[in-house]
Amino acid sequence: MTHADPALIDEFHIDGAWRETRRYGSGHIHDTFLITFEGSGLASRYILQRINAEIFPDPEALSRNLERITTHLRAKLSERKTLEPERHCLRVVNTRSGEPFHADAAGDAWRVFHFIDGTRTIDCVEGPKQAYTAARAFGRFAVDLVDLPPPPLAVTIPDFHDLPKRVRQLENAAAADLVGRAAGVREELDQSLRQFARIEAALAACGADQLPERTVHNDCKLNNLLLDARSGESLCVIDLDTVMLGSVLFDFGELVRSGTCRSPEDEPDLNRIHFDSELFDALARGYLTGASPFLTPIEIAALPLAGPDLTLENAVRFLADHLSGDRYFRIQRDGQNLDRARAQLRLLDLMLNDLDTLRTAVERAAEERG
């Protein structure tokens, strides 16, 4: 089943009468729907998702992680006496049998969250203030998880941010050439391998192999943060499926990748791709404001390379998926993953050409935080 029908929705413990289901959001991975119920004259809304089993084959592990994360975050909200805590943390709706997900007859796993009203998400940053707000929220999210009780969260995607492995996967995809696309992307392949060698050398030079392992989000795209629709303030970090052990470089790097270019991720006109150093400065100040309680000198020294590292990683993943027949990232048109890869490679070039500016911005932000 790849669509949501009332019979499936009835498996979940939701009061009222079902009224509407429609597709929702811009995510690449899960099938996501907004469902509306009515009861006692009031409408209530929920998010329904079909978990992508090819990427997340263990819905029980996802559910256990989610329960531990959200329970811990709600305790933090309580400690801070946060107003309207239900708007600041995801809440799962269990099935009528008390389970956090439902497996249908086809074996697909479905889950439901309470919809947080009065919020919005962004795919492209709208200005420095918004960039600062988002980065501060993700930094604070990492701080809140520093004392998550053991054991470590389940690994939902092994080697998720293993760039050398991603590059090997790209080389293997090019060699296999399953759908006959390798000949058309030789330039992109060569560029990816050159930049990989450059970034690996730069990370080694700054001691990145000594970075501490932390519980991080691992996918800090701007659209994984809910903003208050009126004030623009950050409310709730979402899409928690990739929260597990990792490095702060993964979080800050994805913020930089998704938050320093105002063009869409799949922009086909590379002349429209620009790296905005003002937005980077805001992201650096915001992230260090949120995460400064635990960042080490080695982590701060490596932050300028986080953006290039994650931008290359995404370029490599988009390009490998294009070569493999678009199996991982959902596409709406032919060649979309190739456009995504080319846009990321262009953004990467611009970042590396401006690396001194990135270093200066991080150093200045660190000095401001003491």
Protein backbone atom coordinates (compact mmCIF):
# COMPACT_ATOMS: atom_id res chain seq x y z
CA MET A 1 0.00 0.00 0.00
CA THR A 2 1.48 3.36 -1.02
CA HIS A 3 -1.47 5.56 -0.13
CA ALA A 4 -3.40 6.28 3.06
CA ASP A 5 -7.04 5.21 3.36
CA PRO A 6 -9.55 5.52 6.20
CA ALA A 7 -9.27 1.83 7.12
CA LEU A 8 -5.56 2.19 7.76
CA ILE A 9 -5.99 5.44 9.68
CA ASP A 10 -8.59 3.77 11.88
CA GLU A 11 -5.81 1.55 13.27
CA PHE A 12 -4.56 4.55 15.26
CA HIS A 13 -5.99 5.88 18.51
CA ILE A 14 -7.52 9.11 17.18
CA ASP A 15 -10.83 10.50 18.43
CA GLY A 16 -13.37 11.98 16.04
CA ALA A 17 -14.37 11.29 12.47
CA TRP A 18 -11.90 11.17 9.60
CA ARG A 19 -12.48 13.95 7.06
CA GLU A 20 -9.50 14.34 4.75
CA THR A 21 -6.11 12.97 3.76
CA ARG A 22 -3.63 14.77 1.52
CA ARG A 23 0.06 14.52 0.74
CA TYR A 24 2.24 16.82 2.77
CA GLY A 25 5.78 18.20 2.86
CA SER A 26 8.82 18.05 0.60
CA GLY A 27 10.77 15.14 2.10
CA HIS A 28 12.70 12.76 -0.14
CA ILE A 29 12.33 9.58 1.91
CA HIS A 30 8.99 8.75 3.58
CA ASP A 31 5.47 9.08 2.16
CA THR A 32 3.92 11.78 4.33
CA PHE A 33 0.26 12.79 4.64
CA LEU A 34 -1.72 15.36 6.57
CA ILE A 35 -4.92 13.85 7.95
CA THR A 36 -7.83 15.82 9.40
CA PHE A 37 -10.39 14.64 11.93
CA GLU A 38 -13.48 16.36 13.31
CA GLY A 39 -15.00 15.89 16.73
CA SER A 40 -17.28 18.03 18.92
CA GLY A 41 -17.29 20.68 16.21
CA LEU A 42 -13.49 21.05 16.22
CA ALA A 43 -10.95 19.93 13.65
CA SER A 44 -7.70 18.23 14.63
CA ARG A 45 -4.81 17.34 12.37
CA TYR A 46 -2.14 14.67 12.38
CA ILE A 47 0.88 13.64 10.34
CA LEU A 48 0.76 10.12 8.91
CA GLN A 49 3.90 8.53 7.46
CA ARG A 50 4.68 5.35 5.60
CA ILE A 51 8.21 4.46 6.69
CA ASN A 52 10.53 3.80 3.77
CA ALA A 53 11.51 0.20 4.47
CA GLU A 54 14.37 0.20 1.97
CA ILE A 55 16.15 2.83 4.03
CA PHE A 56 14.76 2.03 7.49
CA PRO A 57 14.07 -1.71 7.57
CA ASP A 58 13.61 -1.84 11.37
CA PRO A 59 10.57 0.24 12.43
CA GLU A 60 10.86 -1.10 15.97
CA ALA A 61 14.36 0.37 16.33
CA LEU A 62 13.11 3.68 14.93
CA SER A 63 10.26 3.65 17.44
CA ARG A 64 12.50 2.84 20.41
CA ASN A 65 14.87 5.65 19.46
CA LEU A 66 12.02 8.09 18.99
CA GLU A 67 10.51 7.26 22.36
CA ARG A 68 13.84 7.72 24.16
CA ILE A 69 14.63 10.98 22.36
CA THR A 70 11.25 12.63 22.83
CA THR A 71 10.98 11.53 26.48
CA HIS A 72 14.37 13.06 27.19
CA LEU A 73 13.56 16.27 25.31
CA ARG A 74 10.25 16.67 27.13
CA ALA A 75 12.11 16.41 30.43
CA LYS A 76 14.43 19.21 29.29
CA LEU A 77 11.43 21.36 28.36
CA SER A 78 9.98 20.73 31.80
CA GLU A 79 13.25 21.71 33.50
CA ARG A 80 13.28 24.99 31.56
CA LYS A 81 9.56 25.52 32.28
CA THR A 82 9.00 26.02 28.55
CA LEU A 83 5.60 27.46 27.68
CA GLU A 84 3.41 25.27 25.44
CA PRO A 85 5.82 22.30 25.58
CA GLU A 86 3.56 20.30 23.24
CA ARG A 87 4.61 22.67 20.45
CA HIS A 88 8.31 22.05 21.08
CA CYS A 89 8.54 18.26 20.83
CA LEU A 90 7.08 15.58 18.56
CA ARG A 91 4.33 13.39 20.02
CA VAL A 92 3.58 9.94 18.63
CA VAL A 93 0.00 8.64 18.39
CA ASN A 94 -0.07 4.95 19.25
CA THR A 95 -2.24 2.37 17.54
CA ARG A 96 -5.42 1.15 19.23
CA SER A 97 -3.40 -1.82 20.48
CA GLY A 98 -0.82 0.50 22.05
CA GLU A 99 1.96 0.11 19.48
CA PRO A 100 3.96 3.07 18.09
CA PHE A 101 3.45 1.94 14.47
CA HIS A 102 1.12 -0.23 12.41
CA ALA A 103 2.23 -2.85 9.87
CA ASP A 104 -0.35 -3.29 7.11
CA ALA A 105 -1.11 -6.42 5.10
CA ALA A 106 1.61 -5.54 2.59
CA GLY A 107 4.20 -5.24 5.34
CA ASP A 108 4.47 -1.45 5.16
CA ALA A 109 4.99 0.29 8.51
CA TRP A 110 2.91 3.39 9.26
CA ARG A 111 3.09 5.89 12.12
CA VAL A 112 1.23 9.00 13.23
CA PHE A 113 2.32 12.21 14.96
CA HIS A 114 0.28 15.04 16.39
CA PHE A 115 0.37 17.93 13.95
CA ILE A 116 1.80 21.10 15.52
CA ASP A 117 -0.47 23.95 14.43
CA GLY A 118 0.69 27.46 13.67
CA THR A 119 4.04 26.38 12.25
CA ARG A 120 5.85 26.36 8.95
CA THR A 121 9.02 24.95 7.46
CA ILE A 122 11.43 26.46 4.93
CA ASP A 123 13.49 24.84 2.20
CA CYS A 124 15.57 27.94 1.44
CA VAL A 125 16.65 30.41 4.09
CA GLU A 126 15.03 33.83 3.87
CA GLY A 127 17.62 35.94 5.71
CA PRO A 128 20.41 36.05 8.33
CA LYS A 129 18.03 36.32 11.29
CA GLN A 130 16.27 33.14 10.22
CA ALA A 131 19.60 31.38 9.66
CA TYR A 132 20.77 32.36 13.16
CA THR A 133 17.51 31.16 14.74
CA ALA A 134 17.65 27.78 13.00
CA ALA A 135 21.31 27.15 13.81
CA ARG A 136 20.84 28.09 17.45
CA ALA A 137 17.93 25.62 17.70
CA PHE A 138 19.94 22.74 16.25
CA GLY A 139 22.88 23.60 18.51
CA ARG A 140 20.62 23.57 21.55
CA PHE A 141 19.12 20.27 20.36
CA ALA A 142 22.59 18.68 20.47
CA VAL A 143 23.23 20.12 23.94
CA ASP A 144 19.95 18.67 25.21
CA LEU A 145 21.02 15.19 24.08
CA VAL A 146 24.48 15.29 25.68
CA ASP A 147 23.18 13.55 28.81
CA LEU A 148 20.84 11.10 27.07
CA PRO A 149 21.06 8.00 29.30
CA PRO A 150 22.86 4.94 27.89
CA PRO A 151 22.91 2.75 25.94
CA PRO A 152 23.59 4.53 22.64
CA LEU A 153 20.65 4.91 20.30
CA ALA A 154 20.16 2.19 17.71
CA VAL A 155 22.02 2.77 14.44
CA THR A 156 19.24 3.36 11.93
CA ILE A 157 21.49 3.92 8.88
CA PRO A 158 24.95 2.34 9.22
CA ASP A 159 27.85 4.56 8.09
CA PHE A 160 25.42 7.36 7.26
CA HIS A 161 28.11 10.04 7.13
CA ASP A 162 31.07 7.89 6.10
CA LEU A 163 32.34 9.99 3.20
CA PRO A 164 35.05 7.53 2.05
CA LYS A 165 32.41 4.80 1.91
CA ARG A 166 30.03 7.09 -0.01
CA VAL A 167 32.78 7.79 -2.54
CA ARG A 168 33.41 4.04 -2.96
CA GLN A 169 29.68 3.55 -3.52
CA LEU A 170 29.80 6.22 -6.21
CA GLU A 171 32.74 4.54 -7.91
CA ASN A 172 30.95 1.20 -7.76
CA ALA A 173 27.77 2.74 -9.19
CA ALA A 174 29.75 4.23 -12.06
CA ALA A 175 31.48 0.92 -12.75
CA ALA A 176 28.20 -1.02 -12.70
CA ASP A 177 26.42 1.62 -14.79
CA LEU A 178 23.09 -0.12 -14.29
CA VAL A 179 21.04 2.33 -16.36
CA GLY A 180 23.67 3.50 -18.83
CA ARG A 181 24.29 6.97 -17.42
CA ALA A 182 28.00 6.90 -16.53
CA ALA A 183 29.25 8.29 -19.86
CA GLY A 184 27.24 11.48 -19.33
CA VAL A 185 28.67 12.30 -15.91
CA ARG A 186 32.43 11.82 -16.31
CA GLU A 187 33.13 15.45 -15.44
CA GLU A 188 31.05 15.25 -12.27
CA LEU A 189 32.75 12.00 -11.25
CA ASP A 190 36.24 13.46 -11.72
CA GLN A 191 35.29 16.61 -9.83
CA SER A 192 33.90 14.59 -6.94
CA LEU A 193 37.07 12.54 -6.58
CA ARG A 194 39.35 15.60 -6.76
CA GLN A 195 37.40 17.45 -4.11
CA PHE A 196 37.25 14.36 -1.92
CA ALA A 197 41.05 14.18 -1.79
CA ARG A 198 41.25 17.90 -1.00
CA ILE A 199 38.71 17.78 1.84
CA GLU A 200 40.17 14.62 3.40
CA ALA A 201 43.61 16.27 3.51
CA ALA A 202 42.21 19.44 5.08
CA LEU A 203 40.27 17.48 7.74
CA ALA A 204 43.35 15.45 8.60
CA ALA A 205 45.41 18.63 8.95
CA CYS A 206 43.05 20.08 11.55
CA GLY A 207 42.92 16.89 13.62
CA ALA A 208 39.39 15.85 12.72
CA ASP A 209 40.21 12.22 13.55
CA GLN A 210 40.17 13.31 17.23
CA LEU A 211 36.61 14.66 17.14
CA PRO A 212 34.45 13.37 20.01
CA GLU A 213 31.48 11.15 19.23
CA ARG A 214 28.14 12.68 20.25
CA THR A 215 24.43 12.06 19.89
CA VAL A 216 23.49 14.38 17.02
CA HIS A 217 20.61 14.86 14.60
CA ASN A 218 22.68 13.88 11.53
CA ASP A 219 20.29 15.58 9.07
CA CYS A 220 20.04 19.25 10.07
CA LYS A 221 18.39 20.57 6.93
CA LEU A 222 16.44 23.77 7.44
CA ASN A 223 13.17 22.01 6.62
CA ASN A 224 13.70 19.70 9.60
CA LEU A 225 12.87 22.55 11.94
CA LEU A 226 9.38 23.88 12.64
CA LEU A 227 9.17 27.67 12.94
CA ASP A 228 6.35 29.61 14.55
CA ALA A 229 4.24 30.93 11.67
CA ARG A 230 3.82 34.33 13.30
CA SER A 231 7.04 35.11 15.16
CA GLY A 232 9.45 33.05 13.06
CA GLU A 233 11.04 31.64 16.20
CA SER A 234 12.21 28.02 16.23
CA LEU A 235 9.84 25.59 17.90
CA CYS A 236 10.54 21.94 17.24
CA VAL A 237 13.26 19.85 15.60
CA ILE A 238 11.64 17.12 13.51
CA ASP A 239 12.59 14.11 11.38
CA LEU A 240 14.38 12.32 14.21
CA ASP A 241 14.98 9.03 12.39
CA THR A 242 18.70 9.72 11.92
CA VAL A 243 19.43 10.83 15.50
CA MET A 244 22.30 8.63 16.66
CA LEU A 245 25.99 8.85 17.46
CA GLY A 246 28.00 11.06 15.15
CA SER A 247 29.93 14.32 14.98
CA VAL A 248 28.84 17.94 15.33
CA LEU A 249 30.39 18.41 11.88
CA PHE A 250 27.52 16.41 10.44
CA ASP A 251 24.92 18.75 11.94
CA PHE A 252 26.66 22.04 11.29
CA GLY A 253 27.77 20.90 7.85
CA GLU A 254 24.22 20.09 6.76
CA LEU A 255 23.06 23.45 8.11
CA VAL A 256 25.69 25.19 6.02
CA ARG A 257 24.90 23.14 2.93
CA SER A 258 21.17 23.80 3.13
CA GLY A 259 21.35 27.29 4.62
CA THR A 260 23.91 29.30 2.68
CA CYS A 261 22.37 29.11 -0.77
CA ARG A 262 19.01 30.69 -1.56
CA SER A 263 18.50 28.60 -4.70
CA PRO A 264 16.61 25.28 -4.67
CA GLU A 265 18.62 22.13 -4.03
CA ASP A 266 17.90 20.93 -7.57
CA GLU A 267 18.54 24.25 -9.36
CA PRO A 268 19.51 23.32 -12.95
CA ASP A 269 21.00 26.75 -13.78
CA LEU A 270 24.38 26.69 -12.04
CA ASN A 271 24.79 30.43 -12.57
CA ARG A 272 22.05 30.88 -10.01
CA ILE A 273 23.99 28.99 -7.33
CA HIS A 274 25.65 31.41 -4.90
CA PHE A 275 27.33 30.91 -1.53
CA ASP A 276 26.15 33.62 0.88
CA SER A 277 28.89 34.43 3.40
CA GLU A 278 26.50 36.61 5.41
CA LEU A 279 24.23 33.62 5.93
CA PHE A 280 27.23 31.49 6.90
CA ASP A 281 28.22 34.07 9.49
CA ALA A 282 24.69 33.95 10.95
CA LEU A 283 24.74 30.13 11.02
CA ALA A 284 28.11 30.08 12.77
CA ARG A 285 26.98 32.57 15.41
CA GLY A 286 23.70 30.74 15.92
CA TYR A 287 25.19 27.27 16.19
CA LEU A 288 27.93 28.33 18.57
CA THR A 289 25.36 30.17 20.67
CA GLY A 290 23.28 27.01 20.98
CA ALA A 291 26.08 24.46 21.22
CA SER A 292 28.86 26.40 22.96
CA PRO A 293 28.34 24.67 26.35
CA PHE A 294 30.01 21.50 25.05
CA LEU A 295 32.04 22.30 21.92
CA THR A 296 35.77 21.48 22.18
CA PRO A 297 38.60 23.45 20.52
CA ILE A 298 39.09 20.65 17.96
CA GLU A 299 35.40 20.74 17.04
CA ILE A 300 35.47 24.51 16.61
CA ALA A 301 38.63 24.31 14.49
CA ALA A 302 36.97 21.75 12.19
CA LEU A 303 33.64 23.59 11.77
CA PRO A 304 34.76 25.62 8.70
CA LEU A 305 35.24 22.33 6.82
CA ALA A 306 31.87 20.92 7.87
CA GLY A 307 29.96 22.65 5.08
CA PRO A 308 32.28 21.48 2.28
CA ASP A 309 32.36 17.96 3.77
CA LEU A 310 28.58 17.54 3.88
CA THR A 311 28.06 19.31 0.56
CA LEU A 312 30.40 16.88 -1.16
CA GLU A 313 28.77 13.95 0.62
CA ASN A 314 25.36 14.96 -0.67
CA ALA A 315 26.71 15.56 -4.17
CA VAL A 316 28.22 12.07 -4.16
CA ARG A 317 24.99 10.50 -2.88
CA PHE A 318 22.84 12.30 -5.46
CA LEU A 319 25.22 11.34 -8.25
CA ALA A 320 25.40 7.69 -7.14
CA ASP A 321 21.61 7.53 -6.98
CA HIS A 322 21.36 9.00 -10.49
CA LEU A 323 23.74 6.32 -11.75
CA SER A 324 21.76 3.60 -9.96
CA GLY A 325 18.39 4.58 -11.39
CA ASP A 326 17.06 6.98 -8.71
CA ARG A 327 16.40 4.36 -6.05
CA TYR A 328 16.98 6.38 -2.87
CA PHE A 329 15.96 10.01 -3.34
CA ARG A 330 12.46 10.58 -4.65
CA ILE A 331 12.35 12.45 -7.95
CA GLN A 332 9.58 14.41 -9.67
CA ARG A 333 11.29 14.63 -13.06
CA ASP A 334 13.97 12.89 -15.09
CA GLY A 335 17.48 14.02 -14.25
CA GLN A 336 16.54 15.61 -10.94
CA ASN A 337 19.18 13.76 -8.94
CA LEU A 338 21.81 14.76 -11.48
CA ASP A 339 20.72 18.39 -11.15
CA ARG A 340 20.96 18.03 -7.39
CA ALA A 341 24.48 16.64 -7.68
CA ARG A 342 25.63 19.38 -10.03
CA ALA A 343 24.17 22.09 -7.82
CA GLN A 344 25.97 20.68 -4.79
CA LEU A 345 29.27 20.45 -6.64
CA ARG A 346 28.93 24.07 -7.71
CA LEU A 347 28.15 25.14 -4.15
CA LEU A 348 31.12 23.12 -2.93
CA ASP A 349 33.48 24.95 -5.30
CA LEU A 350 32.23 28.28 -4.00
CA MET A 351 32.69 27.23 -0.37
CA LEU A 352 36.23 26.00 -0.92
CA ASN A 353 37.13 29.18 -2.80
CA ASP A 354 35.94 31.16 0.25
CA LEU A 355 37.40 28.90 2.94
CA ASP A 356 39.35 31.71 4.63
CA THR A 357 36.08 33.61 5.10
CA LEU A 358 34.52 30.54 6.69
CA ARG A 359 37.43 30.19 9.11
CA THR A 360 37.29 33.85 10.07
CA ALA A 361 33.54 33.71 10.69
CA VAL A 362 33.83 30.66 12.96
CA GLU A 363 36.73 32.17 14.88
CA ARG A 364 34.80 35.40 15.38
CA ALA A 365 31.69 33.54 16.54
CA ALA A 366 33.78 31.46 18.99
CA GLU A 367 35.39 34.60 20.42
CA GLU A 368 31.97 36.16 20.93
CA ARG A 369 30.91 33.10 22.95
CA GLY A 370 34.10 33.16 25.01
